[in-house]
Amino acid sequence: DGRAIVAGRGAGFDRAFVAAQMPTLSERLSHRVLDVSAVELFCRALGMPPGTLRKAGAHRAKDDIEEARAHLERCMVWIQGCFGSPKGALTKIFEAAAGRSA
């Protein structure tokens, strides 16, 4: 729909804050969010090695945004390397849940 998507760690919280505190800006944002923390958990659940994603802990907006973007990119590269594509990873998960081997 052309509206901006809120992305980052805790993006749902950020989106809710904007809705409560900046309603005019909120109207320009999509209802969709991309929570990088959820993507990181997904990768770890699939076996991404520990230490692949290290947090700097700077807690500065620009640094946090750049770090979240870098983590998302590393996750996507890892998924493609292991499964060929994000769709391949999801297929493997659904097959395992259904009791079939991939």
Protein backbone atom coordinates (compact mmCIF):
# COMPACT_ATOMS: atom_id res chain seq x y z
CA ASP A 1 0.00 0.00 0.00
CA GLY A 2 3.06 2.26 -0.16
CA ARG A 3 3.29 2.94 3.56
CA ALA A 4 6.56 2.51 5.44
CA ILE A 5 7.10 -0.67 7.46
CA VAL A 6 8.57 -0.38 10.96
CA ALA A 7 11.53 -2.74 11.31
CA GLY A 8 14.08 -3.53 13.99
CA ARG A 9 14.29 -5.18 17.38
CA GLY A 10 11.06 -4.81 19.31
CA ALA A 11 9.39 -3.31 16.23
CA GLY A 12 5.93 -4.07 17.62
CA PHE A 13 6.67 -1.97 20.69
CA ASP A 14 8.06 0.83 18.52
CA ARG A 15 4.98 0.75 16.29
CA ALA A 16 2.66 0.92 19.32
CA PHE A 17 4.66 3.84 20.76
CA VAL A 18 4.37 5.78 17.50
CA ALA A 19 0.63 5.07 17.36
CA ALA A 20 0.14 6.35 20.91
CA GLN A 21 2.48 9.33 20.84
CA MET A 22 2.55 10.40 17.17
CA PRO A 23 -0.81 9.56 15.60
CA THR A 24 -0.21 11.69 12.49
CA LEU A 25 3.03 9.83 11.73
CA SER A 26 1.33 6.54 12.60
CA GLU A 27 -1.20 7.09 9.80
CA ARG A 28 1.68 7.07 7.31
CA LEU A 29 3.03 3.73 8.55
CA SER A 30 1.92 0.27 7.51
CA HIS A 31 0.30 -2.01 10.06
CA ARG A 32 3.04 -4.53 9.17
CA VAL A 33 6.23 -4.79 11.20
CA LEU A 34 9.49 -6.68 10.66
CA ASP A 35 10.78 -7.80 14.03
CA VAL A 36 14.46 -8.65 13.62
CA SER A 37 14.50 -10.36 17.04
CA ALA A 38 11.92 -12.85 15.76
CA VAL A 39 14.04 -13.55 12.66
CA GLU A 40 17.09 -14.10 14.90
CA LEU A 41 15.13 -16.56 17.10
CA PHE A 42 13.96 -18.36 13.96
CA CYS A 43 17.56 -18.76 12.75
CA ARG A 44 18.76 -19.97 16.14
CA ALA A 45 15.93 -22.51 16.23
CA LEU A 46 17.11 -23.78 12.85
CA GLY A 47 20.66 -24.23 14.15
CA MET A 48 22.48 -20.98 13.43
CA PRO A 49 25.75 -21.25 15.38
CA PRO A 50 25.98 -19.30 18.66
CA GLY A 51 28.01 -16.12 18.41
CA THR A 52 27.02 -15.47 14.80
CA LEU A 53 25.03 -12.43 15.88
CA ARG A 54 26.75 -10.31 18.50
CA LYS A 55 25.11 -7.26 20.04
CA ALA A 56 27.24 -4.18 20.58
CA GLY A 57 24.95 -2.78 23.26
CA ALA A 58 25.47 0.86 22.25
CA HIS A 59 21.77 1.74 22.62
CA ARG A 60 21.98 4.66 20.23
CA ALA A 61 19.27 4.88 17.59
CA LYS A 62 21.54 4.94 14.53
CA ASP A 63 23.81 2.20 15.89
CA ASP A 64 20.82 0.02 16.83
CA ILE A 65 19.30 0.43 13.36
CA GLU A 66 22.55 -0.45 11.61
CA GLU A 67 23.12 -3.43 13.90
CA ALA A 68 19.58 -4.76 13.37
CA ARG A 69 19.99 -4.41 9.60
CA ALA A 70 23.33 -6.23 9.70
CA HIS A 71 21.84 -9.04 11.80
CA LEU A 72 18.91 -9.41 9.41
CA GLU A 73 21.30 -9.59 6.45
CA ARG A 74 23.46 -12.23 8.22
CA CYS A 75 20.36 -14.27 9.00
CA MET A 76 19.18 -14.16 5.38
CA VAL A 77 22.64 -15.14 4.08
CA TRP A 78 22.77 -18.01 6.58
CA ILE A 79 19.30 -19.22 5.60
CA GLN A 80 20.19 -19.12 1.90
CA GLY A 81 23.44 -20.97 2.56
CA CYS A 82 21.72 -23.74 4.50
CA PHE A 83 18.39 -24.08 2.73
CA GLY A 84 18.77 -22.35 -0.62
CA SER A 85 16.06 -19.82 0.21
CA PRO A 86 13.79 -18.69 3.06
CA LYS A 87 11.05 -20.77 1.41
CA GLY A 88 13.32 -23.83 1.61
CA ALA A 89 13.75 -23.28 5.34
CA LEU A 90 10.00 -23.00 5.88
CA THR A 91 9.37 -26.12 3.79
CA LYS A 92 11.83 -28.08 5.94
CA ILE A 93 10.14 -26.86 9.13
CA PHE A 94 6.64 -27.75 7.90
CA GLU A 95 7.78 -31.18 6.74
CA ALA A 96 9.40 -31.86 10.11
CA ALA A 97 6.25 -30.74 11.90
CA ALA A 98 4.20 -33.09 9.74
CA GLY A 99 6.54 -35.98 10.54
CA ARG A 100 8.07 -36.22 7.09
CA SER A 101 11.78 -36.10 6.37
CA ALA A 102 12.98 -33.39 4.02
